[in-house]
Amino acid sequence: MNFQLTEEHFAVQQAARDFAQNELLPGVIERDTHQKFPVEQVKKMGELGFLGMMVDPKYNGGGMDSISYVLAMEEISKVDASASVCMSVNNSLVCWGLEKYGTEEQKEKYLKKLAVQGIGAFCLSEPEAGSDATSQRTTAEDKGDYYLLNGTKNWITNGSTASVYVVIAQTDAAKKHKGINALIVEKGMPGFVVGKKEDKMGIRGSDTHSLMFTDVKVPKANRIGDDGFGFSFAMTTLNGGRIGIASQALGIAAGAYELAVKYSKERKAFGKTLSEHQAIQFKLADMATKIDAARLLVHQAAWLKDQKKDFVKAAAMAKLFASQIAQEVTTEAVQIHGGYGYVKEYHVERLMRDAKITQIYEGTTEIQKMVISRELLR
């Protein structure tokens, strides 16, 4: 693995950092408080190329590698994890899946728009199908030239703001996971209703909704891959998605660490700055070491993906570790801030709340351990 970043990588990193500081930081506390989706900011993310970073330029994408993607994800997540999860879903789950497995017609119709201005949603979880993705209750009944879609999806990122939804549904229950399909559903299709927005602990600016489908007619042309390919599509896509969430967790941790360092140099106690106290120095040393270790795991997974090597174990390890250190580092950042850390004005309490979800979505901590142990013992 080459650990040397190129000039292009540094340019992408700087562009993402500038965008996060200049466009996302102003108003981020208000958006969190009032659960406001960053509409204008996400629109600008699309204009700057952050929503289709790895998509081939012939489909309006940036044609960048996965290293560029995780660098940008880290910088944006330092400031606003609600914006970065929108970016992650669109890049890792929707655009990547469509480009790799979609037909040319699907790419022309959907991918070109998603890469620059549209927002996509990935619809797998259900009221009774979270970690157990084989237990799909949403059905897609084969009606010849279309599927009749019925069911409910839960906790869908970009739930009301997306224009394109990739929905995983069961067509033939007798075939179990081999009877599942992935369908492209458009907003506005008759029978498709967006439910209430979830009132969440963290990533409160993210647009998280339940979705209901009642006799929605989805053309056969909107199926991704062969009949029964849906489960494999979902699992393969999620492997890449874990790299995105790992980089989000890394960014949340790094953002909290940077705030803690800054505060420790300004705040005085017992006649000297906090950063002059060994107890704080040791906390910062532990935080920095964990962040660097997580970054190496994230970059390794991204590099393996770019080299078209097996990255399943690496992605799971990156997500497992980065999400754990996000929890640890943000908690310590609040501790270093003391009472101020418990106040919204200082940002670290929000980062601590945002960190928790990285241990849950796109495969819980427990699922990552299952994936890792399976790969180790295979």
Protein backbone atom coordinates (compact mmCIF):
# COMPACT_ATOMS: atom_id res chain seq x y z
CA MET A 1 0.00 0.00 0.00
CA ASN A 2 1.30 3.44 -0.97
CA PHE A 3 0.76 5.84 1.92
CA GLN A 4 1.86 8.88 -0.09
CA LEU A 5 -1.02 11.14 -1.12
CA THR A 6 -0.83 12.80 -4.52
CA GLU A 7 -1.23 16.50 -5.28
CA GLU A 8 -4.74 15.71 -6.50
CA HIS A 9 -5.56 14.07 -3.17
CA PHE A 10 -4.38 17.12 -1.25
CA ALA A 11 -6.41 19.37 -3.55
CA VAL A 12 -9.58 17.36 -2.91
CA GLN A 13 -8.89 17.34 0.82
CA GLN A 14 -8.40 21.12 0.88
CA ALA A 15 -11.53 21.74 -1.20
CA ALA A 16 -13.59 19.63 1.20
CA ARG A 17 -12.06 21.36 4.22
CA ASP A 18 -12.82 24.80 2.79
CA PHE A 19 -16.38 23.81 1.98
CA ALA A 20 -16.94 22.38 5.46
CA GLN A 21 -15.58 25.45 7.23
CA ASN A 22 -17.15 28.09 4.97
CA GLU A 23 -20.47 26.51 4.00
CA LEU A 24 -21.35 23.89 6.62
CA LEU A 25 -20.04 25.33 9.89
CA PRO A 26 -22.25 28.46 9.82
CA GLY A 27 -25.68 27.33 10.98
CA VAL A 28 -24.73 23.75 11.86
CA ILE A 29 -25.90 24.14 15.49
CA GLU A 30 -29.23 25.62 14.38
CA ARG A 31 -29.77 22.81 11.85
CA ASP A 32 -29.07 20.24 14.56
CA THR A 33 -31.43 21.92 17.03
CA HIS A 34 -34.31 22.24 14.57
CA GLN A 35 -33.60 19.05 12.58
CA LYS A 36 -33.19 21.07 9.38
CA PHE A 37 -31.84 19.28 6.33
CA PRO A 38 -28.97 21.30 4.77
CA VAL A 39 -30.76 21.84 1.46
CA GLU A 40 -28.62 24.62 0.02
CA GLN A 41 -25.39 23.11 1.32
CA VAL A 42 -26.12 19.70 -0.23
CA LYS A 43 -27.04 21.40 -3.50
CA LYS A 44 -23.64 23.08 -3.51
CA MET A 45 -21.99 19.75 -2.64
CA GLY A 46 -23.47 18.43 -5.88
CA GLU A 47 -22.22 21.42 -7.85
CA LEU A 48 -18.72 20.92 -6.44
CA GLY A 49 -18.74 17.23 -7.35
CA PHE A 50 -18.96 15.73 -3.87
CA LEU A 51 -22.11 13.66 -4.59
CA GLY A 52 -20.67 11.64 -7.47
CA MET A 53 -16.98 11.58 -6.72
CA MET A 54 -16.21 8.07 -7.97
CA VAL A 55 -18.67 8.03 -10.89
CA ASP A 56 -17.21 7.84 -14.39
CA PRO A 57 -17.04 11.31 -16.03
CA LYS A 58 -19.19 10.03 -18.91
CA TYR A 59 -22.04 9.88 -16.38
CA ASN A 60 -21.23 13.37 -15.02
CA GLY A 61 -19.07 12.05 -12.16
CA GLY A 62 -15.68 13.11 -10.89
CA GLY A 63 -13.90 9.88 -11.84
CA MET A 64 -11.94 10.00 -8.58
CA ASP A 65 -10.56 7.13 -6.53
CA SER A 66 -11.78 5.92 -3.15
CA ILE A 67 -8.88 7.63 -1.34
CA SER A 68 -10.13 11.01 -2.59
CA TYR A 69 -13.60 10.08 -1.41
CA VAL A 70 -12.59 9.17 2.15
CA LEU A 71 -10.42 12.28 2.43
CA ALA A 72 -13.40 14.45 1.52
CA MET A 73 -15.73 12.47 3.80
CA GLU A 74 -13.38 12.96 6.76
CA GLU A 75 -13.17 16.74 6.30
CA ILE A 76 -16.92 17.22 5.89
CA SER A 77 -17.69 14.89 8.82
CA LYS A 78 -15.46 16.95 11.10
CA VAL A 79 -18.06 19.70 10.86
CA ASP A 80 -21.44 18.21 9.87
CA ALA A 81 -22.12 14.48 9.96
CA SER A 82 -25.69 15.09 8.78
CA ALA A 83 -24.34 16.41 5.49
CA SER A 84 -21.69 13.72 5.19
CA VAL A 85 -24.14 10.83 5.58
CA CYS A 86 -26.14 12.23 2.67
CA MET A 87 -22.90 12.32 0.69
CA SER A 88 -21.97 8.80 1.79
CA VAL A 89 -25.29 7.21 0.82
CA ASN A 90 -25.34 8.91 -2.57
CA ASN A 91 -21.73 7.98 -3.40
CA SER A 92 -21.25 4.57 -1.79
CA LEU A 93 -24.66 2.93 -1.96
CA VAL A 94 -26.69 4.48 -4.76
CA CYS A 95 -24.26 5.78 -7.40
CA TRP A 96 -21.71 3.00 -6.98
CA GLY A 97 -24.35 0.27 -7.11
CA LEU A 98 -26.02 1.76 -10.19
CA GLU A 99 -22.76 2.21 -12.04
CA LYS A 100 -21.48 -1.29 -11.28
CA TYR A 101 -24.68 -3.27 -11.78
CA GLY A 102 -27.17 -1.05 -13.60
CA THR A 103 -28.06 -1.20 -17.28
CA GLU A 104 -26.87 1.50 -19.66
CA GLU A 105 -30.41 2.84 -19.80
CA GLN A 106 -30.55 3.06 -15.98
CA LYS A 107 -27.24 4.88 -15.89
CA GLU A 108 -28.33 7.39 -18.51
CA LYS A 109 -31.68 7.99 -16.84
CA TYR A 110 -30.70 8.01 -13.16
CA LEU A 111 -26.94 8.00 -12.58
CA LYS A 112 -26.17 11.10 -14.63
CA LYS A 113 -28.54 13.16 -12.51
CA LEU A 114 -27.54 11.61 -9.18
CA ALA A 115 -23.87 12.37 -9.79
CA VAL A 116 -24.39 16.12 -9.85
CA GLN A 117 -27.75 17.27 -8.53
CA GLY A 118 -30.09 14.46 -7.55
CA ILE A 119 -30.13 12.71 -4.18
CA GLY A 120 -30.51 8.95 -3.85
CA ALA A 121 -31.74 6.72 -1.03
CA PHE A 122 -30.91 3.09 -0.25
CA CYS A 123 -33.90 1.24 1.20
CA LEU A 124 -33.03 -2.02 2.96
CA SER A 125 -34.02 -1.81 6.65
CA GLU A 126 -37.57 -2.63 7.75
CA PRO A 127 -39.46 -2.77 11.06
CA GLU A 128 -38.46 -6.44 11.39
CA ALA A 129 -35.40 -6.57 9.13
CA GLY A 130 -32.40 -4.59 10.33
CA SER A 131 -29.25 -6.64 10.79
CA ASP A 132 -31.10 -9.70 9.42
CA ALA A 133 -31.46 -8.42 5.87
CA THR A 134 -32.79 -11.75 4.61
CA SER A 135 -36.08 -11.22 6.47
CA GLN A 136 -37.58 -8.86 3.91
CA ARG A 137 -41.32 -8.30 4.35
CA THR A 138 -41.55 -5.76 1.53
CA THR A 139 -42.73 -7.68 -1.53
CA ALA A 140 -42.29 -7.13 -5.26
CA GLU A 141 -44.88 -9.32 -7.00
CA ASP A 142 -43.99 -10.18 -10.58
CA LYS A 143 -46.79 -8.98 -12.87
CA GLY A 144 -45.16 -9.59 -16.22
CA ASP A 145 -43.77 -6.25 -17.39
CA TYR A 146 -43.80 -4.67 -13.93
CA TYR A 147 -43.52 -5.45 -10.22
CA LEU A 148 -46.23 -4.61 -7.70
CA LEU A 149 -44.38 -3.24 -4.68
CA ASN A 150 -45.88 -3.39 -1.16
CA GLY A 151 -44.31 -2.85 2.25
CA THR A 152 -42.55 -0.47 4.62
CA LYS A 153 -38.94 0.66 4.97
CA ASN A 154 -37.53 2.22 8.14
CA TRP A 155 -34.74 4.68 9.00
CA ILE A 156 -34.10 5.69 5.40
CA THR A 157 -31.48 8.40 4.96
CA ASN A 158 -32.55 11.09 2.45
CA GLY A 159 -36.06 9.75 2.91
CA SER A 160 -38.02 12.80 1.77
CA THR A 161 -35.33 14.65 -0.19
CA ALA A 162 -34.30 11.84 -2.54
CA SER A 163 -35.55 11.66 -6.09
CA VAL A 164 -34.39 8.07 -6.69
CA TYR A 165 -34.81 5.15 -4.27
CA VAL A 166 -33.12 1.75 -4.53
CA VAL A 167 -35.60 -0.58 -2.80
CA ILE A 168 -34.78 -4.15 -1.75
CA ALA A 169 -37.85 -6.41 -1.85
CA GLN A 170 -38.83 -10.09 -1.78
CA THR A 171 -40.24 -11.51 -5.04
CA ASP A 172 -40.15 -15.25 -4.28
CA ALA A 173 -40.20 -16.13 -0.57
CA ALA A 174 -39.64 -19.83 -1.33
CA LYS A 175 -36.17 -18.96 -2.66
CA LYS A 176 -35.37 -16.97 0.50
CA HIS A 177 -32.44 -14.58 -0.09
CA LYS A 178 -32.17 -15.75 -3.70
CA GLY A 179 -35.69 -14.49 -4.33
CA ILE A 180 -34.91 -10.86 -3.45
CA ASN A 181 -34.70 -8.06 -6.03
CA ALA A 182 -33.38 -4.49 -6.10
CA LEU A 183 -35.74 -2.01 -7.77
CA ILE A 184 -35.33 1.64 -8.73
CA VAL A 185 -38.32 3.62 -7.50
CA GLU A 186 -38.93 7.25 -8.39
CA LYS A 187 -40.42 9.83 -6.06
CA GLY A 188 -44.01 10.51 -7.06
CA MET A 189 -44.86 7.01 -8.22
CA PRO A 190 -48.53 6.35 -7.26
CA GLY A 191 -48.78 4.47 -3.97
CA PHE A 192 -45.40 5.64 -2.67
CA VAL A 193 -45.74 7.66 0.56
CA VAL A 194 -43.02 9.21 2.72
CA GLY A 195 -43.76 8.82 6.44
CA LYS A 196 -42.79 10.94 9.42
CA LYS A 197 -39.30 12.23 10.01
CA GLU A 198 -37.53 10.48 12.87
CA ASP A 199 -36.62 12.56 15.95
CA LYS A 200 -33.07 11.34 16.49
CA MET A 201 -30.36 11.67 19.13
CA GLY A 202 -27.69 12.53 16.57
CA ILE A 203 -27.28 13.46 12.89
CA ARG A 204 -30.45 15.45 13.47
CA GLY A 205 -30.06 17.42 10.26
CA SER A 206 -30.11 14.20 8.27
CA ASP A 207 -33.41 13.45 6.53
CA THR A 208 -34.44 10.11 8.09
CA HIS A 209 -37.93 8.76 7.33
CA SER A 210 -40.10 5.68 7.07
CA LEU A 211 -41.34 4.88 3.56
CA MET A 212 -44.58 3.12 2.64
CA PHE A 213 -45.34 1.34 -0.64
CA THR A 214 -48.90 0.34 -1.54
CA ASP A 215 -49.39 -1.33 -4.92
CA VAL A 216 -46.60 0.72 -6.49
CA LYS A 217 -46.08 -0.30 -10.12
CA VAL A 218 -42.36 -0.50 -10.81
CA PRO A 219 -41.37 -1.26 -14.44
CA LYS A 220 -39.29 -4.38 -14.99
CA ALA A 221 -36.74 -2.10 -16.66
CA ASN A 222 -36.08 -0.67 -13.17
CA ARG A 223 -34.79 -3.94 -11.75
CA ILE A 224 -31.05 -3.90 -11.06
CA GLY A 225 -29.37 -7.07 -12.29
CA ASP A 226 -30.93 -10.46 -12.92
CA ASP A 227 -34.00 -11.79 -11.13
CA GLY A 228 -32.99 -12.75 -7.57
CA PHE A 229 -29.83 -10.62 -7.54
CA GLY A 230 -31.15 -8.12 -4.98
CA PHE A 231 -29.63 -9.59 -1.82
CA SER A 232 -26.19 -9.99 -3.39
CA PHE A 233 -26.48 -6.44 -4.71
CA ALA A 234 -27.30 -5.10 -1.25
CA MET A 235 -24.51 -6.96 0.54
CA THR A 236 -21.87 -6.07 -2.07
CA THR A 237 -22.90 -2.44 -2.06
CA LEU A 238 -22.85 -2.28 1.74
CA ASN A 239 -19.25 -3.54 1.76
CA GLY A 240 -18.24 -0.33 0.00
CA GLY A 241 -20.66 1.71 2.06
CA ARG A 242 -18.82 0.69 5.22
CA ILE A 243 -15.75 2.52 3.97
CA GLY A 244 -17.85 5.67 3.70
CA ILE A 245 -19.25 5.33 7.23
CA ALA A 246 -15.80 4.46 8.60
CA SER A 247 -14.49 7.72 7.11
CA GLN A 248 -17.47 9.54 8.62
CA ALA A 249 -16.65 8.13 12.07
CA LEU A 250 -13.01 9.07 11.55
CA GLY A 251 -14.00 12.63 10.67
CA ILE A 252 -16.27 12.97 13.71
CA ALA A 253 -13.40 11.82 15.95
CA ALA A 254 -10.85 14.06 14.24
CA GLY A 255 -13.16 17.07 14.46
CA ALA A 256 -13.69 16.56 18.18
CA TYR A 257 -9.96 16.08 18.72
CA GLU A 258 -9.09 19.30 16.91
CA LEU A 259 -11.60 21.22 19.02
CA ALA A 260 -10.19 19.65 22.20
CA VAL A 261 -6.62 20.62 21.28
CA LYS A 262 -7.67 24.19 20.54
CA TYR A 263 -9.64 24.50 23.77
CA SER A 264 -6.83 22.97 25.86
CA LYS A 265 -4.46 25.69 24.67
CA GLU A 266 -6.90 28.47 25.56
CA ARG A 267 -8.46 27.37 28.85
CA LYS A 268 -6.47 27.92 32.04
CA ALA A 269 -6.75 26.00 35.31
CA PHE A 270 -4.50 26.14 38.36
CA GLY A 271 -2.37 28.87 36.79
CA LYS A 272 -1.59 27.24 33.46
CA THR A 273 -3.34 26.10 30.30
CA LEU A 274 -5.03 22.71 30.24
CA SER A 275 -2.52 21.58 27.60
CA GLU A 276 0.27 22.03 30.15
CA HIS A 277 -1.32 19.50 32.51
CA GLN A 278 -0.03 15.97 32.02
CA ALA A 279 -3.49 14.47 32.53
CA ILE A 280 -4.77 16.39 29.48
CA GLN A 281 -1.61 15.72 27.47
CA PHE A 282 -2.07 11.99 27.97
CA LYS A 283 -5.73 12.20 26.91
CA LEU A 284 -4.71 14.02 23.72
CA ALA A 285 -1.94 11.49 23.06
CA ASP A 286 -4.39 8.59 23.31
CA MET A 287 -6.94 10.38 21.12
CA ALA A 288 -4.39 11.20 18.40
CA THR A 289 -3.03 7.64 18.35
CA LYS A 290 -6.48 6.12 17.97
CA ILE A 291 -7.39 8.56 15.20
CA ASP A 292 -4.21 7.80 13.25
CA ALA A 293 -4.81 4.06 13.62
CA ALA A 294 -8.38 4.44 12.38
CA ARG A 295 -7.21 6.57 9.45
CA LEU A 296 -4.74 3.89 8.37
CA LEU A 297 -7.50 1.25 8.46
CA VAL A 298 -9.84 3.47 6.44
CA HIS A 299 -7.18 4.28 3.85
CA GLN A 300 -6.18 0.62 3.60
CA ALA A 301 -9.77 -0.40 2.83
CA ALA A 302 -10.11 2.40 0.27
CA TRP A 303 -6.78 1.48 -1.35
CA LEU A 304 -7.73 -2.20 -1.62
CA LYS A 305 -11.03 -1.20 -3.24
CA ASP A 306 -9.19 1.00 -5.75
CA GLN A 307 -6.79 -1.85 -6.54
CA LYS A 308 -9.80 -4.13 -7.15
CA LYS A 309 -8.60 -6.44 -4.39
CA ASP A 310 -10.76 -8.12 -1.74
CA PHE A 311 -11.63 -5.33 0.71
CA VAL A 312 -14.49 -6.96 2.66
CA LYS A 313 -12.51 -7.68 5.84
CA ALA A 314 -10.62 -4.39 5.65
CA ALA A 315 -13.84 -2.38 5.29
CA ALA A 316 -15.46 -4.15 8.23
CA MET A 317 -12.36 -3.62 10.38
CA ALA A 318 -12.22 0.06 9.42
CA LYS A 319 -15.87 0.61 10.30
CA LEU A 320 -15.64 -1.41 13.53
CA PHE A 321 -12.59 0.44 14.83
CA ALA A 322 -13.36 3.93 13.54
CA SER A 323 -16.86 3.87 15.01
CA GLN A 324 -15.49 2.72 18.37
CA ILE A 325 -12.85 5.44 18.52
CA ALA A 326 -15.42 8.04 17.42
CA GLN A 327 -17.35 7.24 20.60
CA GLU A 328 -14.23 7.26 22.76
CA VAL A 329 -12.62 10.39 21.32
CA THR A 330 -15.78 12.51 21.32
CA THR A 331 -16.47 11.53 24.94
CA GLU A 332 -12.95 12.58 25.92
CA ALA A 333 -13.33 15.83 23.96
CA VAL A 334 -16.40 16.67 26.03
CA GLN A 335 -14.46 15.78 29.20
CA ILE A 336 -11.58 18.08 28.27
CA HIS A 337 -14.05 20.92 27.68
CA GLY A 338 -15.58 20.28 31.10
CA GLY A 339 -18.89 22.06 31.63
CA TYR A 340 -18.49 23.92 28.35
CA GLY A 341 -18.39 20.59 26.56
CA TYR A 342 -21.96 19.98 27.65
CA VAL A 343 -23.07 23.21 25.96
CA LYS A 344 -24.09 23.26 22.30
CA GLU A 345 -22.04 26.36 21.50
CA TYR A 346 -18.80 24.37 21.73
CA HIS A 347 -19.85 21.70 19.16
CA VAL A 348 -18.32 18.67 20.90
CA GLU A 349 -21.58 17.53 22.51
CA ARG A 350 -23.13 17.32 19.03
CA LEU A 351 -20.18 15.33 17.71
CA MET A 352 -20.56 12.90 20.64
CA ARG A 353 -24.24 12.40 19.80
CA ASP A 354 -23.45 12.02 16.10
CA ALA A 355 -20.77 9.42 16.77
CA LYS A 356 -23.14 6.78 18.15
CA ILE A 357 -24.97 6.12 14.88
CA THR A 358 -21.73 5.03 13.20
CA GLN A 359 -21.84 1.92 15.39
CA ILE A 360 -25.32 1.09 14.13
CA TYR A 361 -26.07 1.91 10.50
CA GLU A 362 -24.68 0.09 7.46
CA GLY A 363 -23.98 -2.87 9.71
CA THR A 364 -23.82 -2.74 13.50
CA THR A 365 -20.63 -3.29 15.49
CA GLU A 366 -21.79 -6.86 16.10
CA ILE A 367 -22.33 -7.47 12.37
CA GLN A 368 -18.83 -6.15 11.60
CA LYS A 369 -17.39 -8.68 14.03
CA MET A 370 -19.36 -11.43 12.31
CA VAL A 371 -18.01 -10.33 8.91
CA ILE A 372 -14.43 -10.12 10.17
CA SER A 373 -14.49 -13.49 11.91
CA ARG A 374 -16.09 -15.13 8.88
CA GLU A 375 -13.34 -13.76 6.63
CA LEU A 376 -10.63 -14.82 9.07
CA LEU A 377 -11.94 -18.37 9.35
CA ARG A 378 -12.95 -18.87 5.72
